[in-house]
């Protein structure tokens, strides 16, 4: 039985072997190969590019393609492949200049085949709109020594790049670059340039260079026409200049060959000075203040001098008419019109002289007020020496109106027998030092063009009318808290500060914040002692009963050697 079963199994095995076919040999597929037309490609910054490639040897097999960037945090890559071996590589570049490599691999798992290759990628600005600069608001013109113009510009073609914020170093010009701005939101900016008063009648080229985070740079130029500083017609002793501007005026005396700064009441007020032929040009900084400029000859003698009042105040637009007389709304040389501000006080003047003495810079009821001034280097000048003003001319010296021109920075001590600073002129001549007799602006008038020291006039009855008579009315109110007086009429209020004085014997300051003293151009009388006095206005704020006066004698005699304030009136 066992033998029969074994024999049966043997027969079945032989039968099965006889029925099976022999195994066919496998098909030999070619090797896979990836083909790109280039080994290196350029992609525009921030954009997506597609690159075609082919895979040879697929032979209908199922093949998978993979793409991997070396810097996947910056680059995005993907690949697709159809059955015919046509492939597409998609590459998105970063928003900055960059390099990378991309590995592409195809795999045939069934037939145990694979192939790979590597290509390089560069991200740059190729294909972007060009970076360009456009200047807006042209043409540009600049007055020598004048207010700097703003040159507007815009930048286009930035795309998703970041423009490097331009600095002064990105502007090339023979002018001075004061400032440059750039607004990333609007892609616009402004360049502010200025020039010295000596740069005149020329054309300057301003070149701007900008760059962006795509390592692109572009530059463009614009012309700025520089016009000579305007010459003020006529010879005056005071010139008003808007801060940051310059002024050119006749030098008055033919002997003047150079100019020199006597003092300035702000350390950086005067930027430059020069004599050019028959004219003097003064360039100022972007601050307000006053300066005294000396015109000298070759022997260093002073032949004339000028007060430069640097202020944004425009009296042609801001003035007040009272009793038929048009007044400035601030004192001559003031740097403020705010009640209580010591900057309202302005310069002080000895009667009949054309040159200012420094304004007081502190308010005091007793003692001497400060009067800070600076030299050309910006160093403070000591204004008090031996209990006198830092430069004085004593009574022993004979002084005439002509000889006083040589000492504009000096306080001239009063002559005891007359109370005046001059020695030799007759009273009749001196009466018209400020045009008080003929009611015209005189050669010594300290006010700027179109303005003069107010004078006493006569009414129809022949009575003298002081231009300050309004302070005796109810419209003029003493303000003891702010040390001054306000005049209000027609909805407009004008401030008159307590200006004090410089004492006729020493030139030292006093009564600032206690008395408001204002000159007129008119001689008043000679007292029994032979002392010459002049019409003025006065009010006091620190007494138990504040006082207002337009006469010389209600409080005290005012002599011509005293230096007090001037409020200019229209010619």
Protein backbone atom coordinates (compact mmCIF):
# COMPACT_ATOMS: atom_id res chain seq x y z
CA UNK A 1 0.00 0.00 0.00
CA UNK A 2 2.78 2.38 0.88
CA UNK A 3 4.62 1.55 -2.29
CA UNK A 4 1.53 2.25 -4.44
CA UNK A 5 1.05 5.77 -2.86
CA UNK A 6 4.66 6.69 -3.40
CA UNK A 7 4.48 5.53 -7.00
CA UNK A 8 1.39 7.72 -7.52
CA UNK A 9 3.16 10.85 -6.29
CA UNK A 10 6.07 10.22 -8.59
CA UNK A 11 3.79 9.85 -11.59
CA UNK A 12 1.98 13.11 -10.73
CA UNK A 13 5.28 15.01 -10.42
CA UNK A 14 6.46 13.82 -13.80
CA UNK A 15 3.14 14.76 -15.33
CA UNK A 16 3.28 18.33 -13.91
CA UNK A 17 6.80 18.85 -15.12
CA UNK A 18 5.85 17.69 -18.54
CA UNK A 19 2.93 20.21 -18.77
CA UNK A 20 4.77 23.53 -17.66
CA UNK A 21 6.36 25.90 -20.30
CA UNK A 22 9.93 27.13 -20.00
CA UNK A 23 10.30 30.79 -18.42
CA UNK A 24 10.75 33.64 -20.99
CA UNK A 25 13.82 35.95 -20.55
CA UNK A 26 13.19 39.56 -19.19
CA UNK A 27 13.03 42.60 -21.65
CA UNK A 28 16.22 44.72 -21.48
CA UNK A 29 15.08 48.45 -21.05
CA UNK A 30 17.61 51.21 -21.76
CA UNK A 31 19.10 53.36 -19.02
CA UNK A 32 17.16 56.43 -17.99
CA UNK A 33 18.73 59.79 -18.90
CA UNK A 34 17.64 63.37 -17.93
CA UNK A 35 18.31 66.04 -20.54
CA UNK A 36 18.27 69.85 -19.92
CA UNK A 37 19.23 72.33 -22.61
CA UNK A 38 21.49 74.23 -20.15
CA UNK A 39 23.35 73.48 -16.97
CA UNK A 40 22.64 76.92 -15.42
CA UNK A 41 19.50 79.06 -15.42
CA UNK A 42 18.54 82.61 -14.32
CA UNK A 43 15.25 83.28 -12.57
CA UNK A 44 13.81 86.74 -11.94
CA UNK A 45 13.74 87.71 -8.30
CA UNK A 46 10.46 86.79 -6.63
CA UNK A 47 9.04 85.23 -9.77
CA UNK A 48 8.29 81.65 -10.91
CA UNK A 49 9.89 80.23 -14.04
CA UNK A 50 9.31 76.92 -15.81
CA UNK A 51 12.16 74.98 -17.45
CA UNK A 52 11.55 72.14 -19.91
CA UNK A 53 13.54 68.93 -19.84
CA UNK A 54 13.21 65.42 -21.23
CA UNK A 55 13.78 61.95 -19.84
CA UNK A 56 15.04 59.36 -22.30
CA UNK A 57 14.57 55.62 -22.00
CA UNK A 58 11.22 55.53 -20.25
CA UNK A 59 9.86 52.96 -22.70
CA UNK A 60 6.31 53.16 -21.35
CA UNK A 61 7.34 52.33 -17.82
CA UNK A 62 5.91 54.17 -14.85
CA UNK A 63 8.54 56.71 -13.79
CA UNK A 64 8.45 59.11 -10.82
CA UNK A 65 10.30 62.48 -10.89
CA UNK A 66 11.54 64.46 -7.85
CA UNK A 67 13.21 67.90 -7.60
CA UNK A 68 15.01 69.24 -4.55
CA UNK A 69 16.65 72.63 -4.04
CA UNK A 70 19.81 72.89 -2.02
CA UNK A 71 18.29 75.88 -0.15
CA UNK A 72 14.63 74.90 0.21
CA UNK A 73 13.97 77.70 2.71
CA UNK A 74 14.64 80.24 -0.03
CA UNK A 75 13.77 78.42 -3.24
CA UNK A 76 10.58 76.54 -4.13
CA UNK A 77 10.93 73.81 -6.78
CA UNK A 78 8.70 71.09 -8.21
CA UNK A 79 8.82 68.83 -11.25
CA UNK A 80 6.26 67.03 -13.46
CA UNK A 81 6.77 64.34 -16.15
CA UNK A 82 4.41 62.77 -18.67
CA UNK A 83 4.57 59.24 -20.12
CA UNK A 84 6.33 60.47 -23.20
CA UNK A 85 9.27 61.75 -21.17
CA UNK A 86 8.47 65.46 -21.44
CA UNK A 87 9.16 67.16 -18.13
CA UNK A 88 8.67 70.60 -16.60
CA UNK A 89 10.67 72.03 -13.70
CA UNK A 90 8.95 74.90 -11.81
CA UNK A 91 11.26 77.22 -9.86
CA UNK A 92 10.21 80.16 -7.64
CA UNK A 93 13.12 82.47 -6.77
CA UNK A 94 13.52 84.31 -3.45
CA UNK A 95 13.10 88.09 -3.07
CA UNK A 96 16.84 88.63 -2.95
CA UNK A 97 19.91 87.88 -4.92
CA UNK A 98 20.74 84.20 -4.44
CA UNK A 99 22.35 81.09 -5.89
CA UNK A 100 21.36 77.46 -5.49
CA UNK A 101 21.51 74.06 -7.13
CA UNK A 102 18.54 71.83 -7.92
CA UNK A 103 18.79 68.03 -7.94
CA UNK A 104 16.36 66.23 -10.31
CA UNK A 105 15.88 62.49 -10.02
CA UNK A 106 13.70 60.00 -12.00
CA UNK A 107 12.97 56.54 -10.60
CA UNK A 108 11.56 53.37 -12.24
CA UNK A 109 10.94 51.12 -9.24
CA UNK A 110 9.60 48.18 -11.28
CA UNK A 111 12.59 47.94 -13.48
CA UNK A 112 15.03 49.04 -10.86
CA UNK A 113 16.17 52.08 -12.84
CA UNK A 114 17.02 55.62 -11.75
CA UNK A 115 18.81 58.68 -13.07
CA UNK A 116 19.73 62.10 -11.63
CA UNK A 117 21.29 65.39 -12.62
CA UNK A 118 22.03 68.75 -11.04
CA UNK A 119 21.53 72.25 -12.47
CA UNK A 120 22.45 75.63 -10.99
CA UNK A 121 20.02 78.52 -10.44
CA UNK A 122 20.69 82.22 -10.09
CA UNK A 123 18.11 84.75 -8.85
CA UNK A 124 18.62 88.30 -10.13
CA UNK A 125 16.72 91.31 -11.44
CA UNK A 126 16.70 90.18 -15.03
CA UNK A 127 13.26 90.80 -16.49
CA UNK A 128 12.11 93.36 -13.90
CA UNK A 129 11.11 96.89 -14.84
CA UNK A 130 14.24 99.04 -14.77
CA UNK A 131 14.98 101.07 -11.66
CA UNK A 132 14.52 104.74 -12.57
CA UNK A 133 14.65 108.21 -10.92
CA UNK A 134 12.44 111.12 -11.94
CA UNK A 135 12.81 114.66 -10.60
CA UNK A 136 9.55 116.48 -9.91
CA UNK A 137 8.79 120.17 -9.89
CA UNK A 138 11.59 121.23 -12.22
CA UNK A 139 13.13 123.63 -13.09
CA UNK A 140 14.91 124.56 -9.90
CA UNK A 141 16.36 127.95 -9.03
CA UNK A 142 18.21 129.08 -5.93
CA UNK A 143 19.19 132.56 -4.81
CA UNK A 144 22.78 132.69 -3.64
CA UNK A 145 22.78 132.50 0.13
CA UNK A 146 19.00 132.12 0.07
CA UNK A 147 16.49 129.64 1.40
CA UNK A 148 17.30 126.14 0.21
CA UNK A 149 14.96 124.71 -2.43
CA UNK A 150 13.48 121.25 -2.09
CA UNK A 151 14.23 119.05 -5.08
CA UNK A 152 11.52 116.41 -5.30
CA UNK A 153 12.23 112.98 -6.76
CA UNK A 154 10.47 109.65 -7.23
CA UNK A 155 11.77 106.14 -7.87
CA UNK A 156 10.01 103.60 -10.10
CA UNK A 157 10.67 99.97 -10.99
CA UNK A 158 11.36 98.95 -7.42
CA UNK A 159 8.97 96.00 -7.48
CA UNK A 160 9.35 93.90 -4.36
CA UNK A 161 12.88 95.12 -3.76
CA UNK A 162 13.76 97.45 -0.92
CA UNK A 163 15.34 100.75 -1.86
CA UNK A 164 18.36 101.56 0.25
CA UNK A 165 17.36 104.80 2.01
CA UNK A 166 19.42 107.52 0.32
CA UNK A 167 21.75 109.64 2.44
CA UNK A 168 23.63 112.87 1.79
CA UNK A 169 26.48 110.74 0.47
CA UNK A 170 24.24 109.62 -2.40
CA UNK A 171 23.97 113.21 -3.67
CA UNK A 172 26.83 114.72 -5.66
CA UNK A 173 26.86 118.50 -6.19
CA UNK A 174 28.94 121.63 -5.77
CA UNK A 175 26.14 122.95 -3.55
CA UNK A 176 25.66 122.04 0.10
CA UNK A 177 23.29 119.14 0.71
CA UNK A 178 21.36 120.09 3.84
CA UNK A 179 18.99 117.12 3.96
CA UNK A 180 17.60 114.20 1.98
CA UNK A 181 14.44 112.21 2.69
CA UNK A 182 12.78 109.12 1.26
CA UNK A 183 9.29 107.73 1.89
CA UNK A 184 9.15 103.97 1.24
CA UNK A 185 5.35 104.01 0.99
CA UNK A 186 5.19 106.49 -1.88
CA UNK A 187 8.71 105.89 -3.23
CA UNK A 188 9.29 109.65 -3.20
CA UNK A 189 11.72 111.96 -1.47
CA UNK A 190 13.21 115.44 -1.31
CA UNK A 191 16.73 116.82 -1.49
CA UNK A 192 17.40 120.17 0.19
CA UNK A 193 20.43 122.08 -1.05
CA UNK A 194 21.84 125.53 -0.32
CA UNK A 195 24.80 127.57 -1.40
CA UNK A 196 26.97 130.35 -0.09
CA UNK A 197 26.33 133.90 -1.14
CA UNK A 198 29.56 133.76 -3.15
CA UNK A 199 28.07 131.10 -5.47
CA UNK A 200 26.17 133.24 -7.91
CA UNK A 201 25.14 133.42 -11.53
CA UNK A 202 25.96 129.79 -12.19
CA UNK A 203 24.28 126.45 -12.82
CA UNK A 204 24.95 123.58 -10.45
CA UNK A 205 24.30 119.93 -11.25
CA UNK A 206 22.76 117.78 -8.54
CA UNK A 207 23.23 114.04 -9.11
CA UNK A 208 21.33 111.43 -7.10
CA UNK A 209 22.35 107.76 -6.95
CA UNK A 210 20.05 105.12 -5.45
CA UNK A 211 20.29 101.36 -5.06
CA UNK A 212 18.01 98.55 -3.98
CA UNK A 213 18.21 95.16 -2.33
CA UNK A 214 18.44 93.55 -5.79
CA UNK A 215 21.91 95.09 -6.13
CA UNK A 216 20.73 97.50 -8.80
CA UNK A 217 21.86 101.12 -8.91
CA UNK A 218 20.70 104.06 -10.96
CA UNK A 219 21.69 107.72 -11.07
CA UNK A 220 20.19 110.85 -12.52
CA UNK A 221 21.09 114.54 -12.58
CA UNK A 222 19.11 117.76 -12.43
CA UNK A 223 20.29 121.34 -12.92
CA UNK A 224 19.80 124.06 -10.34
CA UNK A 225 20.17 127.64 -11.55
CA UNK A 226 21.82 129.84 -8.95
CA UNK A 227 20.72 133.45 -9.10
CA UNK A 228 22.78 136.25 -7.55
CA UNK A 229 21.45 137.58 -4.25
CA UNK A 230 19.23 140.60 -4.94
CA UNK A 231 20.75 143.98 -4.29
CA UNK A 232 18.69 146.19 -2.00
CA UNK A 233 18.48 149.58 -3.67
CA UNK A 234 19.57 152.49 -1.57
CA UNK A 235 21.95 152.74 1.34
CA UNK A 236 20.31 151.94 4.65
CA UNK A 237 21.72 151.20 8.08
CA UNK A 238 19.50 148.21 8.87
CA UNK A 239 18.65 145.30 6.60
CA UNK A 240 16.02 142.69 7.42
CA UNK A 241 16.90 139.16 6.28
CA UNK A 242 14.76 136.03 6.48
CA UNK A 243 16.70 133.30 8.36
CA UNK A 244 18.77 131.19 5.98
CA UNK A 245 18.82 133.93 3.32
CA UNK A 246 21.37 136.52 2.27
CA UNK A 247 21.20 140.20 1.46
CA UNK A 248 23.32 142.34 -0.84
CA UNK A 249 23.41 146.10 -0.44
CA UNK A 250 25.53 149.13 -1.39
CA UNK A 251 28.63 149.49 0.76
CA UNK A 252 27.87 153.22 1.23
CA UNK A 253 31.49 154.38 1.74
CA UNK A 254 33.83 153.96 -1.22
CA UNK A 255 36.75 153.31 1.15
CA UNK A 256 35.19 150.08 2.41
CA UNK A 257 37.23 147.11 1.15
CA UNK A 258 36.37 144.48 3.75
CA UNK A 259 33.72 143.63 6.31
CA UNK A 260 34.05 142.35 9.84
CA UNK A 261 31.62 141.11 12.46
CA UNK A 262 31.52 143.33 15.55
CA UNK A 263 29.07 141.05 17.37
CA UNK A 264 26.06 138.78 16.89
CA UNK A 265 23.42 137.87 19.47
CA UNK A 266 23.17 134.23 18.33
CA UNK A 267 26.38 132.15 18.09
CA UNK A 268 25.93 130.98 14.48
CA UNK A 269 23.84 133.82 13.06
CA UNK A 270 26.19 135.08 10.31
CA UNK A 271 27.52 132.42 7.93
CA UNK A 272 29.56 134.57 5.55
CA UNK A 273 30.35 138.17 4.62
CA UNK A 274 32.07 139.71 1.65
CA UNK A 275 32.66 142.94 -0.26
CA UNK A 276 32.19 142.56 -3.99
CA UNK A 277 32.83 145.75 -5.90
CA UNK A 278 30.37 148.36 -4.68
CA UNK A 279 28.26 145.90 -2.72
CA UNK A 280 28.32 143.97 0.54
CA UNK A 281 26.75 140.52 0.80
CA UNK A 282 25.80 138.94 4.12
CA UNK A 283 24.68 135.31 4.39
CA UNK A 284 22.70 134.20 7.43
CA UNK A 285 21.94 130.92 9.18
CA UNK A 286 18.54 129.39 9.93
CA UNK A 287 18.21 131.24 13.24
CA UNK A 288 16.82 134.61 14.26
CA UNK A 289 18.86 137.39 15.81
CA UNK A 290 20.88 140.54 15.20
CA UNK A 291 24.39 141.38 14.14
CA UNK A 292 26.51 144.50 13.76
CA UNK A 293 28.72 144.46 10.66
CA UNK A 294 31.69 146.82 10.29
CA UNK A 295 32.79 148.11 6.90
CA UNK A 296 36.54 148.77 6.99
CA UNK A 297 39.20 150.23 4.74
CA UNK A 298 42.68 148.86 4.01
CA UNK A 299 44.05 150.47 7.18
CA UNK A 300 41.43 148.62 9.28
CA UNK A 301 39.53 151.81 10.09
CA UNK A 302 35.74 151.55 10.25
CA UNK A 303 34.09 153.70 7.57
CA UNK A 304 30.48 152.54 7.87
CA UNK A 305 28.46 149.84 9.58
CA UNK A 306 25.18 147.96 9.28
CA UNK A 307 22.66 146.30 11.55
CA UNK A 308 21.53 142.92 10.15
CA UNK A 309 18.15 141.96 11.60
CA UNK A 310 17.58 138.27 10.88
CA UNK A 311 13.87 137.64 11.32
CA UNK A 312 10.89 136.00 9.67
CA UNK A 313 8.82 139.03 10.67
CA UNK A 314 7.45 140.92 7.65
CA UNK A 315 6.31 144.43 8.64
CA UNK A 316 4.66 144.96 5.26
CA UNK A 317 2.15 142.27 6.23
CA UNK A 318 2.04 142.67 10.00
CA UNK A 319 1.61 146.25 11.17
CA UNK A 320 -0.97 148.48 12.85
CA UNK A 321 -2.10 152.01 12.09
CA UNK A 322 -2.79 154.19 15.13
CA UNK A 323 -3.79 157.82 14.79
CA UNK A 324 -2.80 157.83 11.13
CA UNK A 325 0.70 156.44 11.86
CA UNK A 326 1.56 152.88 10.80
CA UNK A 327 3.74 151.10 13.37
CA UNK A 328 5.64 147.84 13.20
CA UNK A 329 4.15 145.30 15.59
CA UNK A 330 7.49 144.68 17.26
CA UNK A 331 10.51 146.68 18.35
CA UNK A 332 13.47 147.21 16.05
CA UNK A 333 15.66 144.11 16.45
CA UNK A 334 13.09 142.05 18.38
CA UNK A 335 13.08 138.28 17.92
CA UNK A 336 9.63 137.75 19.46
CA UNK A 337 6.28 139.46 19.93
CA UNK A 338 5.01 137.21 22.72
CA UNK A 339 4.09 139.14 25.90
CA UNK A 340 6.49 138.34 28.71
CA UNK A 341 9.24 137.12 26.35
CA UNK A 342 12.45 139.10 26.77
CA UNK A 343 13.06 138.63 23.04
CA UNK A 344 10.46 141.36 22.46
CA UNK A 345 12.75 144.09 23.76
CA UNK A 346 14.88 144.59 20.66
CA UNK A 347 17.90 146.86 20.31
CA UNK A 348 18.63 150.05 22.22
CA UNK A 349 19.87 153.27 20.59
CA UNK A 350 21.48 156.46 21.77
CA UNK A 351 19.35 159.27 20.35
CA UNK A 352 20.35 160.19 16.80
CA UNK A 353 22.82 157.32 16.28
CA UNK A 354 22.34 154.78 13.51
CA UNK A 355 23.89 151.73 15.16
CA UNK A 356 22.26 149.38 17.68
CA UNK A 357 23.49 148.36 21.08
CA UNK A 358 22.72 144.71 21.99
CA UNK A 359 19.27 143.79 23.15
CA UNK A 360 18.75 142.76 26.78
CA UNK A 361 18.39 139.04 27.37
CA UNK A 362 16.97 139.00 30.90
CA UNK A 363 14.22 140.83 32.77
CA UNK A 364 15.14 142.65 35.97
CA UNK A 365 13.46 145.31 38.07
CA UNK A 366 16.70 146.36 39.74
CA UNK A 367 20.35 146.00 38.79
CA UNK A 368 21.73 145.24 35.35
CA UNK A 369 20.01 143.02 32.80
CA UNK A 370 22.03 140.52 30.80
CA UNK A 371 22.97 141.40 27.22
CA UNK A 372 24.69 138.36 25.73
CA UNK A 373 26.58 138.72 22.43
CA UNK A 374 29.09 136.54 20.55
CA UNK A 375 32.09 136.98 18.29
CA UNK A 376 32.53 135.46 14.82
CA UNK A 377 33.72 132.13 16.29
CA UNK A 378 30.61 131.85 18.44
CA UNK A 379 32.44 132.63 21.68
CA UNK A 380 30.58 134.81 24.16
CA UNK A 381 31.80 138.40 24.46
CA UNK A 382 32.01 139.93 27.92
CA UNK A 383 29.73 142.95 27.70
CA UNK A 384 30.55 144.52 31.06
CA UNK A 385 34.00 145.77 31.94
CA UNK A 386 34.95 147.98 34.87
CA UNK A 387 31.27 148.75 35.52
CA UNK A 388 30.77 149.94 31.95
CA UNK A 389 29.66 148.59 28.60
CA UNK A 390 32.47 146.52 27.08
CA UNK A 391 33.39 149.28 24.61
CA UNK A 392 32.92 152.93 25.53
CA UNK A 393 34.13 156.30 24.40
CA UNK A 394 34.63 158.68 27.31
CA UNK A 395 33.62 162.29 27.74
CA UNK A 396 37.17 163.59 27.29
CA UNK A 397 37.07 162.86 23.59
CA UNK A 398 35.45 165.23 21.13
CA UNK A 399 32.77 163.31 19.21
CA UNK A 400 30.80 164.50 16.20
CA UNK A 401 28.18 162.66 14.21
CA UNK A 402 30.85 161.99 11.56
CA UNK A 403 33.48 160.70 13.98
CA UNK A 404 30.88 158.48 15.65
CA UNK A 405 30.70 156.42 12.44
CA UNK A 406 34.14 155.03 13.28
CA UNK A 407 32.86 153.61 16.59
CA UNK A 408 29.56 151.83 15.87
CA UNK A 409 30.17 149.10 18.45
CA UNK A 410 30.95 151.65 21.18
CA UNK A 411 28.68 153.26 23.73
CA UNK A 412 29.52 156.97 23.80
CA UNK A 413 29.27 158.36 27.34
CA UNK A 414 27.18 161.46 27.70
CA UNK A 415 28.72 164.89 27.88
CA UNK A 416 27.82 166.12 31.36
CA UNK A 417 26.98 169.69 30.40
CA UNK A 418 24.41 168.72 27.75
CA UNK A 419 23.42 165.13 28.54
CA UNK A 420 24.09 164.23 24.89
CA UNK A 421 26.76 161.90 23.46
CA UNK A 422 27.94 164.38 20.78
CA UNK A 423 30.19 167.28 21.54
CA UNK A 424 30.58 169.70 18.67
CA UNK A 425 27.36 169.92 16.64
CA UNK A 426 25.10 172.81 17.34
CA UNK A 427 21.69 171.92 18.66
CA UNK A 428 20.10 173.04 15.41
CA UNK A 429 22.16 170.50 13.46
CA UNK A 430 21.60 167.74 15.99
CA UNK A 431 17.84 168.23 15.97
CA UNK A 432 17.68 166.55 12.57
CA UNK A 433 19.95 163.55 13.28
CA UNK A 434 16.87 161.31 12.94
CA UNK A 435 14.86 163.62 10.66
CA UNK A 436 12.68 164.98 13.40
CA UNK A 437 12.75 168.49 11.98
CA UNK A 438 12.08 167.90 8.27
CA UNK A 439 10.02 164.73 9.01
CA UNK A 440 12.02 162.67 6.50
CA UNK A 441 14.13 159.56 6.96
CA UNK A 442 17.67 160.74 7.72
CA UNK A 443 21.06 159.26 6.80
CA UNK A 444 21.41 158.18 10.44
CA UNK A 445 17.98 156.55 10.70
CA UNK A 446 18.35 153.04 12.23
CA UNK A 447 15.18 151.56 10.67
CA UNK A 448 15.15 149.33 7.54
CA UNK A 449 14.00 150.38 4.08
CA UNK A 450 10.52 151.95 4.05
CA UNK A 451 10.51 152.61 7.80
CA UNK A 452 11.83 155.34 10.08
CA UNK A 453 11.92 156.56 13.68
CA UNK A 454 8.54 158.13 14.55
CA UNK A 455 8.51 161.91 14.86
CA UNK A 456 6.37 164.41 16.71
CA UNK A 457 4.13 166.38 14.35
CA UNK A 458 1.95 169.47 14.60
CA UNK A 459 -1.84 169.44 14.48
CA UNK A 460 -4.05 172.11 12.95
CA UNK A 461 -3.71 174.26 16.07
CA UNK A 462 0.06 174.08 15.99
CA UNK A 463 0.17 171.79 19.00
CA UNK A 464 2.80 169.02 19.15
CA UNK A 465 1.38 165.54 18.67
CA UNK A 466 3.49 162.68 19.98
CA UNK A 467 3.00 159.52 17.84
CA UNK A 468 2.81 157.57 21.11
CA UNK A 469 -0.13 159.61 22.42
CA UNK A 470 -2.29 156.49 22.14
CA UNK A 471 -0.67 154.99 25.23
CA UNK A 472 -2.60 157.49 27.34
CA UNK A 473 -5.93 156.13 26.09
CA UNK A 474 -8.03 153.32 27.54
CA UNK A 475 -7.01 151.14 24.60
CA UNK A 476 -3.52 150.93 26.06
CA UNK A 477 -3.45 148.70 29.14
CA UNK A 478 -0.42 148.12 31.35
CA UNK A 479 0.32 144.42 31.95
CA UNK A 480 2.36 144.19 35.14
CA UNK A 481 2.61 140.39 35.02
CA UNK A 482 4.24 140.32 31.58
CA UNK A 483 6.15 143.59 32.00
CA UNK A 484 4.65 145.65 29.22
CA UNK A 485 1.67 147.35 27.66
CA UNK A 486 -0.93 146.18 25.16
CA UNK A 487 -2.76 148.37 22.69
CA UNK A 488 -5.97 146.90 21.28
CA UNK A 489 -8.06 148.34 18.48
CA UNK A 490 -10.22 146.87 15.73
CA UNK A 491 -9.68 143.31 16.92
CA UNK A 492 -5.89 143.61 16.78
CA UNK A 493 -3.61 143.73 19.83
CA UNK A 494 -0.02 144.97 19.75
CA UNK A 495 2.55 144.42 22.48
CA UNK A 496 4.97 147.05 23.81
CA UNK A 497 7.45 145.50 26.27
CA UNK A 498 9.28 147.19 29.11
CA UNK A 499 12.60 147.74 27.39
CA UNK A 500 14.51 149.56 30.10
CA UNK A 501 17.55 151.59 29.08
CA UNK A 502 21.31 151.82 28.90
CA UNK A 503 22.49 154.42 31.37
CA UNK A 504 23.94 157.52 29.75
CA UNK A 505 27.02 157.45 31.99
CA UNK A 506 28.13 153.82 31.51
CA UNK A 507 26.13 152.01 28.86
CA UNK A 508 25.07 149.38 31.38
CA UNK A 509 21.53 148.03 31.20
CA UNK A 510 18.82 148.73 33.72
CA UNK A 511 15.09 149.07 34.43
CA UNK A 512 14.34 146.24 31.96
CA UNK A 513 10.98 144.85 33.04
CA UNK A 514 10.32 148.04 34.97
CA UNK A 515 10.10 150.79 32.34
CA UNK A 516 9.05 150.85 28.72
CA UNK A 517 11.00 153.63 26.99
CA UNK A 518 10.58 154.49 23.28
CA UNK A 519 12.34 157.21 21.30
CA UNK A 520 10.85 159.64 18.85
CA UNK A 521 13.00 161.47 16.30
CA UNK A 522 12.11 164.87 17.78
CA UNK A 523 14.00 167.26 20.04
CA UNK A 524 11.95 168.44 23.01
CA UNK A 525 13.66 171.19 24.98
CA UNK A 526 16.67 172.34 26.87
CA UNK A 527 16.24 172.50 30.64
CA UNK A 528 17.54 175.27 32.85
CA UNK A 529 20.69 173.26 33.46
CA UNK A 530 21.43 173.19 29.72
CA UNK A 531 20.47 169.50 29.43
CA UNK A 532 19.04 168.57 26.05
CA UNK A 533 15.98 166.33 26.15
CA UNK A 534 13.92 164.54 23.51
CA UNK A 535 10.35 163.41 23.06
CA UNK A 536 9.74 159.81 24.01
CA UNK A 537 7.09 157.57 25.49
CA UNK A 538 7.30 155.82 28.82
CA UNK A 539 5.22 153.49 30.95
CA UNK A 540 6.14 151.78 34.20
CA UNK A 541 4.83 148.49 35.56
CA UNK A 542 6.57 147.85 38.86
CA UNK A 543 5.33 150.82 40.86
CA UNK A 544 2.38 150.79 43.23
CA UNK A 545 0.56 152.97 40.70
CA UNK A 546 1.64 152.11 37.14
CA UNK A 547 2.28 155.21 35.09
CA UNK A 548 2.03 156.17 31.42
CA UNK A 549 3.74 159.23 30.01
CA UNK A 550 4.56 160.73 26.63
CA UNK A 551 6.52 163.68 27.98
CA UNK A 552 10.16 163.76 28.96
CA UNK A 553 9.67 165.07 32.47
CA UNK A 554 6.75 163.19 34.03
CA UNK A 555 9.06 160.58 35.52
CA UNK A 556 12.59 161.73 34.76
CA UNK A 557 14.56 163.69 32.20
CA UNK A 558 15.69 161.59 29.22
CA UNK A 559 18.92 162.81 27.75
CA UNK A 560 20.28 162.00 24.30
CA UNK A 561 23.13 159.97 25.77
CA UNK A 562 20.64 157.42 27.12
CA UNK A 563 20.02 154.37 24.93
CA UNK A 564 16.41 153.17 24.70
CA UNK A 565 14.19 151.26 22.24
CA UNK A 566 12.87 152.25 18.81
CA UNK A 567 9.54 151.20 17.31
CA UNK A 568 9.74 152.00 13.58
CA UNK A 569 6.88 153.59 11.63
CA UNK A 570 6.16 153.53 7.93
CA UNK A 571 7.66 156.34 5.85
